Amino acid sequence: MIIAGGILIFIGTLFSMLSGLGVLRMPDLYNRLQAGTKASTLGVISIAFGGAFLMPDQWAKFLLIAVFVAATNPISSSYLARIKHKEDEEGTSALLEKDQFEEKEGVTK
């Protein structure tokens, strides 16, 4: 069990690192979302299952983490891609810049 857990954690770490590299190397937002979402989801799930192998009494927590990541990563990337697509069609910026957010929320500098 210890060897399997270590291998899964190593694989998950490798996928997470490759995900970060893919985000840095890809040319546009859609490719970055693809690289970041799929690889990081697989990486975190692999790390969670590796942790479950190493700590069998905590398997429910690791399973909950894996399910949460598997459910939220695709939804968030889909939402960001939809905003960018709408922005490209309309020619306006749907994403708030930092200064716009502060003005909208009434935050003073």
N, C-alpha and C. Protein backbone atom coordinates (compact mmCIF):
# COMPACT_ATOMS: atom_id res chain seq x y z
N MET A 1 0.81 -1.20 0.00
CA MET A 1 0.00 0.00 0.00
C MET A 1 0.86 1.27 0.00
N ILE A 2 1.97 1.22 0.71
CA ILE A 2 2.84 2.39 0.78
C ILE A 2 3.46 2.67 -0.58
N ILE A 3 3.87 1.62 -1.28
CA ILE A 3 4.47 1.79 -2.60
C ILE A 3 3.44 2.34 -3.59
N ALA A 4 2.23 1.80 -3.56
CA ALA A 4 1.18 2.27 -4.47
C ALA A 4 0.82 3.72 -4.17
N GLY A 5 0.74 4.06 -2.90
CA GLY A 5 0.45 5.45 -2.53
C GLY A 5 1.54 6.40 -2.99
N GLY A 6 2.79 5.99 -2.81
CA GLY A 6 3.90 6.83 -3.26
C GLY A 6 3.93 7.01 -4.76
N ILE A 7 3.63 5.94 -5.48
CA ILE A 7 3.60 6.03 -6.95
C ILE A 7 2.47 6.96 -7.41
N LEU A 8 1.30 6.84 -6.79
CA LEU A 8 0.18 7.72 -7.16
C LEU A 8 0.47 9.18 -6.84
N ILE A 9 1.10 9.43 -5.71
CA ILE A 9 1.45 10.81 -5.37
C ILE A 9 2.50 11.34 -6.34
N PHE A 10 3.46 10.52 -6.71
CA PHE A 10 4.46 10.95 -7.69
C PHE A 10 3.82 11.27 -9.03
N ILE A 11 2.93 10.40 -9.49
CA ILE A 11 2.24 10.64 -10.77
C ILE A 11 1.40 11.90 -10.70
N GLY A 12 0.70 12.10 -9.57
CA GLY A 12 -0.11 13.31 -9.41
C GLY A 12 0.73 14.57 -9.40
N THR A 13 1.88 14.51 -8.74
CA THR A 13 2.78 15.66 -8.71
C THR A 13 3.31 15.95 -10.11
N LEU A 14 3.64 14.90 -10.85
CA LEU A 14 4.12 15.08 -12.22
C LEU A 14 3.05 15.73 -13.10
N PHE A 15 1.82 15.26 -13.00
CA PHE A 15 0.74 15.86 -13.79
C PHE A 15 0.47 17.30 -13.38
N SER A 16 0.56 17.59 -12.10
CA SER A 16 0.36 18.97 -11.65
C SER A 16 1.46 19.89 -12.17
N MET A 17 2.69 19.42 -12.16
CA MET A 17 3.78 20.22 -12.70
C MET A 17 3.62 20.42 -14.21
N LEU A 18 3.23 19.38 -14.91
CA LEU A 18 3.01 19.51 -16.35
C LEU A 18 1.84 20.44 -16.65
N SER A 19 0.86 20.45 -15.78
CA SER A 19 -0.26 21.37 -15.94
C SER A 19 0.21 22.81 -15.85
N GLY A 20 1.04 23.11 -14.86
CA GLY A 20 1.58 24.46 -14.74
C GLY A 20 2.45 24.84 -15.92
N LEU A 21 3.23 23.90 -16.41
CA LEU A 21 4.05 24.16 -17.58
C LEU A 21 3.17 24.41 -18.81
N GLY A 22 2.10 23.64 -18.94
CA GLY A 22 1.19 23.84 -20.07
C GLY A 22 0.51 25.19 -20.03
N VAL A 23 0.17 25.66 -18.84
CA VAL A 23 -0.45 26.98 -18.72
C VAL A 23 0.54 28.07 -19.13
N LEU A 24 1.77 27.89 -18.80
CA LEU A 24 2.78 28.89 -19.17
C LEU A 24 3.12 28.85 -20.65
N ARG A 25 3.09 27.68 -21.27
CA ARG A 25 3.57 27.53 -22.64
C ARG A 25 2.50 27.72 -23.72
N MET A 26 1.25 27.52 -23.39
CA MET A 26 0.20 27.59 -24.41
C MET A 26 -0.06 29.03 -24.84
N PRO A 27 -0.43 29.21 -26.13
CA PRO A 27 -0.52 30.57 -26.68
C PRO A 27 -1.77 31.36 -26.32
N ASP A 28 -2.92 30.71 -26.14
CA ASP A 28 -4.13 31.48 -25.89
C ASP A 28 -4.91 30.89 -24.72
N LEU A 29 -5.98 31.58 -24.35
CA LEU A 29 -6.75 31.21 -23.16
C LEU A 29 -7.37 29.82 -23.28
N TYR A 30 -7.89 29.48 -24.44
CA TYR A 30 -8.57 28.19 -24.59
C TYR A 30 -7.60 27.02 -24.41
N ASN A 31 -6.42 27.13 -24.98
CA ASN A 31 -5.41 26.09 -24.80
C ASN A 31 -4.92 26.03 -23.37
N ARG A 32 -4.80 27.18 -22.74
CA ARG A 32 -4.37 27.21 -21.34
C ARG A 32 -5.41 26.56 -20.43
N LEU A 33 -6.67 26.82 -20.71
CA LEU A 33 -7.73 26.19 -19.93
C LEU A 33 -7.70 24.68 -20.09
N GLN A 34 -7.48 24.23 -21.31
CA GLN A 34 -7.41 22.79 -21.58
C GLN A 34 -6.26 22.16 -20.81
N ALA A 35 -5.09 22.77 -20.91
CA ALA A 35 -3.91 22.21 -20.24
C ALA A 35 -4.07 22.26 -18.72
N GLY A 36 -4.54 23.38 -18.23
CA GLY A 36 -4.66 23.53 -16.79
C GLY A 36 -5.74 22.68 -16.17
N THR A 37 -6.85 22.54 -16.83
CA THR A 37 -7.98 21.82 -16.24
C THR A 37 -7.77 20.31 -16.24
N LYS A 38 -7.49 19.75 -17.38
CA LYS A 38 -7.40 18.29 -17.47
C LYS A 38 -6.23 17.74 -16.68
N ALA A 39 -5.06 18.33 -16.85
CA ALA A 39 -3.88 17.79 -16.17
C ALA A 39 -3.94 18.02 -14.67
N SER A 40 -4.40 19.20 -14.25
CA SER A 40 -4.45 19.44 -12.80
C SER A 40 -5.53 18.60 -12.14
N THR A 41 -6.63 18.35 -12.83
CA THR A 41 -7.66 17.48 -12.26
C THR A 41 -7.13 16.08 -12.06
N LEU A 42 -6.47 15.56 -13.08
CA LEU A 42 -5.88 14.23 -12.96
C LEU A 42 -4.81 14.20 -11.88
N GLY A 43 -4.02 15.26 -11.78
CA GLY A 43 -2.97 15.32 -10.78
C GLY A 43 -3.52 15.34 -9.36
N VAL A 44 -4.51 16.17 -9.11
CA VAL A 44 -5.07 16.26 -7.75
C VAL A 44 -5.80 14.97 -7.38
N ILE A 45 -6.51 14.38 -8.31
CA ILE A 45 -7.20 13.12 -8.02
C ILE A 45 -6.19 12.02 -7.73
N SER A 46 -5.11 11.98 -8.48
CA SER A 46 -4.08 10.98 -8.24
C SER A 46 -3.41 11.19 -6.88
N ILE A 47 -3.15 12.43 -6.52
CA ILE A 47 -2.58 12.73 -5.20
C ILE A 47 -3.56 12.33 -4.09
N ALA A 48 -4.84 12.60 -4.29
CA ALA A 48 -5.84 12.23 -3.29
C ALA A 48 -5.92 10.72 -3.11
N PHE A 49 -5.91 9.99 -4.21
CA PHE A 49 -5.95 8.52 -4.08
C PHE A 49 -4.66 7.98 -3.47
N GLY A 50 -3.52 8.60 -3.78
CA GLY A 50 -2.27 8.21 -3.15
C GLY A 50 -2.31 8.45 -1.65
N GLY A 51 -2.88 9.58 -1.26
CA GLY A 51 -3.04 9.85 0.17
C GLY A 51 -3.97 8.87 0.84
N ALA A 52 -5.00 8.45 0.11
CA ALA A 52 -5.93 7.45 0.67
C ALA A 52 -5.23 6.11 0.86
N PHE A 53 -4.31 5.78 -0.03
CA PHE A 53 -3.55 4.54 0.15
C PHE A 53 -2.60 4.64 1.35
N LEU A 54 -2.02 5.82 1.54
CA LEU A 54 -1.08 5.99 2.64
C LEU A 54 -1.77 6.13 4.00
N MET A 55 -2.97 6.71 4.00
CA MET A 55 -3.73 6.88 5.24
C MET A 55 -5.13 6.30 5.06
N PRO A 56 -5.27 4.99 5.15
CA PRO A 56 -6.56 4.36 4.87
C PRO A 56 -7.69 4.80 5.80
N ASP A 57 -7.38 5.25 6.99
CA ASP A 57 -8.43 5.70 7.89
C ASP A 57 -9.03 7.04 7.47
N GLN A 58 -8.37 7.76 6.55
CA GLN A 58 -8.85 9.05 6.06
C GLN A 58 -9.39 8.97 4.63
N TRP A 59 -9.74 7.79 4.15
CA TRP A 59 -10.12 7.61 2.74
C TRP A 59 -11.33 8.44 2.35
N ALA A 60 -12.27 8.64 3.28
CA ALA A 60 -13.48 9.40 2.95
C ALA A 60 -13.15 10.86 2.63
N LYS A 61 -12.23 11.44 3.37
CA LYS A 61 -11.83 12.83 3.11
C LYS A 61 -11.15 12.95 1.75
N PHE A 62 -10.27 12.01 1.46
CA PHE A 62 -9.58 12.05 0.16
C PHE A 62 -10.55 11.83 -0.99
N LEU A 63 -11.53 10.97 -0.80
CA LEU A 63 -12.55 10.75 -1.83
C LEU A 63 -13.38 12.00 -2.04
N LEU A 64 -13.72 12.68 -0.96
CA LEU A 64 -14.48 13.92 -1.05
C LEU A 64 -13.69 15.00 -1.80
N ILE A 65 -12.40 15.08 -1.53
CA ILE A 65 -11.55 16.04 -2.24
C ILE A 65 -11.52 15.72 -3.73
N ALA A 66 -11.36 14.44 -4.06
CA ALA A 66 -11.30 14.04 -5.47
C ALA A 66 -12.61 14.34 -6.19
N VAL A 67 -13.72 14.07 -5.55
CA VAL A 67 -15.03 14.33 -6.16
C VAL A 67 -15.24 15.83 -6.34
N PHE A 68 -14.87 16.60 -5.34
CA PHE A 68 -15.02 18.06 -5.43
C PHE A 68 -14.20 18.63 -6.58
N VAL A 69 -12.96 18.21 -6.70
CA VAL A 69 -12.10 18.72 -7.77
C VAL A 69 -12.61 18.26 -9.13
N ALA A 70 -13.04 17.01 -9.22
CA ALA A 70 -13.55 16.49 -10.49
C ALA A 70 -14.83 17.20 -10.91
N ALA A 71 -15.59 17.71 -9.96
CA ALA A 71 -16.83 18.40 -10.29
C ALA A 71 -16.61 19.89 -10.59
N THR A 72 -15.72 20.53 -9.87
CA THR A 72 -15.59 21.98 -10.00
C THR A 72 -14.61 22.44 -11.07
N ASN A 73 -13.55 21.70 -11.33
CA ASN A 73 -12.59 22.14 -12.34
C ASN A 73 -13.21 22.28 -13.73
N PRO A 74 -13.93 21.30 -14.24
CA PRO A 74 -14.53 21.48 -15.57
C PRO A 74 -15.58 22.59 -15.61
N ILE A 75 -16.32 22.76 -14.53
CA ILE A 75 -17.35 23.80 -14.51
C ILE A 75 -16.70 25.19 -14.55
N SER A 76 -15.66 25.38 -13.76
CA SER A 76 -15.02 26.70 -13.74
C SER A 76 -14.32 27.00 -15.07
N SER A 77 -13.68 26.02 -15.67
CA SER A 77 -13.03 26.29 -16.95
C SER A 77 -14.05 26.53 -18.06
N SER A 78 -15.16 25.84 -18.00
CA SER A 78 -16.22 26.07 -18.98
C SER A 78 -16.79 27.48 -18.84
N TYR A 79 -16.94 27.92 -17.61
CA TYR A 79 -17.45 29.27 -17.38
C TYR A 79 -16.48 30.32 -17.90
N LEU A 80 -15.20 30.15 -17.63
CA LEU A 80 -14.20 31.10 -18.13
C LEU A 80 -14.14 31.10 -19.65
N ALA A 81 -14.23 29.93 -20.27
CA ALA A 81 -14.22 29.86 -21.74
C ALA A 81 -15.46 30.53 -22.31
N ARG A 82 -16.60 30.37 -21.66
CA ARG A 82 -17.83 31.01 -22.14
C ARG A 82 -17.73 32.52 -22.05
N ILE A 83 -17.15 33.03 -20.97
CA ILE A 83 -16.97 34.48 -20.83
C ILE A 83 -16.04 35.00 -21.93
N LYS A 84 -14.94 34.30 -22.17
CA LYS A 84 -13.99 34.74 -23.20
C LYS A 84 -14.63 34.69 -24.58
N HIS A 85 -15.42 33.65 -24.86
CA HIS A 85 -16.09 33.55 -26.16
C HIS A 85 -17.09 34.69 -26.34
N LYS A 86 -17.83 35.00 -25.30
CA LYS A 86 -18.79 36.10 -25.37
C LYS A 86 -18.06 37.43 -25.54
N GLU A 87 -16.94 37.57 -24.87
CA GLU A 87 -16.13 38.78 -25.01
C GLU A 87 -15.62 38.94 -26.45
N ASP A 88 -15.19 37.86 -27.07
CA ASP A 88 -14.71 37.91 -28.44
C ASP A 88 -15.82 38.26 -29.42
N GLU A 89 -17.03 37.76 -29.17
CA GLU A 89 -18.15 38.05 -30.06
C GLU A 89 -18.61 39.50 -29.94
N GLU A 90 -18.71 39.99 -28.72
CA GLU A 90 -19.27 41.32 -28.49
C GLU A 90 -18.23 42.43 -28.60
N GLY A 91 -16.97 42.09 -28.47
CA GLY A 91 -15.93 43.10 -28.52
C GLY A 91 -15.78 43.87 -27.22
N THR A 92 -16.44 43.42 -26.17
CA THR A 92 -16.33 44.08 -24.87
C THR A 92 -15.65 43.13 -23.89
N SER A 93 -15.22 43.67 -22.80
CA SER A 93 -14.55 42.86 -21.79
C SER A 93 -15.57 42.45 -20.72
N ALA A 94 -15.84 41.14 -20.63
CA ALA A 94 -16.76 40.64 -19.62
C ALA A 94 -16.05 40.37 -18.31
N LEU A 95 -14.74 40.19 -18.37
CA LEU A 95 -13.97 39.96 -17.15
C LEU A 95 -13.56 41.30 -16.57
N LEU A 96 -13.66 41.43 -15.27
CA LEU A 96 -13.32 42.67 -14.60
C LEU A 96 -11.81 42.75 -14.37
N GLU A 97 -11.26 43.89 -14.67
CA GLU A 97 -9.88 44.14 -14.31
C GLU A 97 -9.85 44.48 -12.82
N LYS A 98 -8.68 44.49 -12.24
CA LYS A 98 -8.55 44.74 -10.81
C LYS A 98 -9.12 46.11 -10.44
N ASP A 99 -8.79 47.14 -11.21
CA ASP A 99 -9.27 48.48 -10.90
C ASP A 99 -10.79 48.58 -11.08
N GLN A 100 -11.35 47.91 -12.08
CA GLN A 100 -12.78 47.93 -12.29
C GLN A 100 -13.51 47.26 -11.13
N PHE A 101 -12.94 46.18 -10.62
CA PHE A 101 -13.55 45.48 -9.50
C PHE A 101 -13.56 46.37 -8.26
N GLU A 102 -12.46 47.07 -8.02
CA GLU A 102 -12.39 47.94 -6.85
C GLU A 102 -13.39 49.08 -6.98
N GLU A 103 -13.56 49.64 -8.18
CA GLU A 103 -14.53 50.71 -8.38
C GLU A 103 -15.95 50.20 -8.19
N LYS A 104 -16.23 49.00 -8.70
CA LYS A 104 -17.58 48.44 -8.62
C LYS A 104 -17.95 48.13 -7.17
N GLU A 105 -17.02 47.64 -6.40
CA GLU A 105 -17.28 47.27 -5.01
C GLU A 105 -17.15 48.46 -4.06
N GLY A 106 -16.67 49.57 -4.54
CA GLY A 106 -16.52 50.75 -3.69
C GLY A 106 -15.31 50.69 -2.78
N VAL A 107 -14.32 49.94 -3.19
CA VAL A 107 -13.10 49.83 -2.41
C VAL A 107 -12.20 51.00 -2.75
N THR A 108 -11.69 51.66 -1.73
CA THR A 108 -10.78 52.77 -1.97
C THR A 108 -9.35 52.30 -1.76
N LYS A 109 -8.47 52.93 -2.48
CA LYS A 109 -7.04 52.54 -2.41
C LYS A 109 -6.37 53.25 -1.27
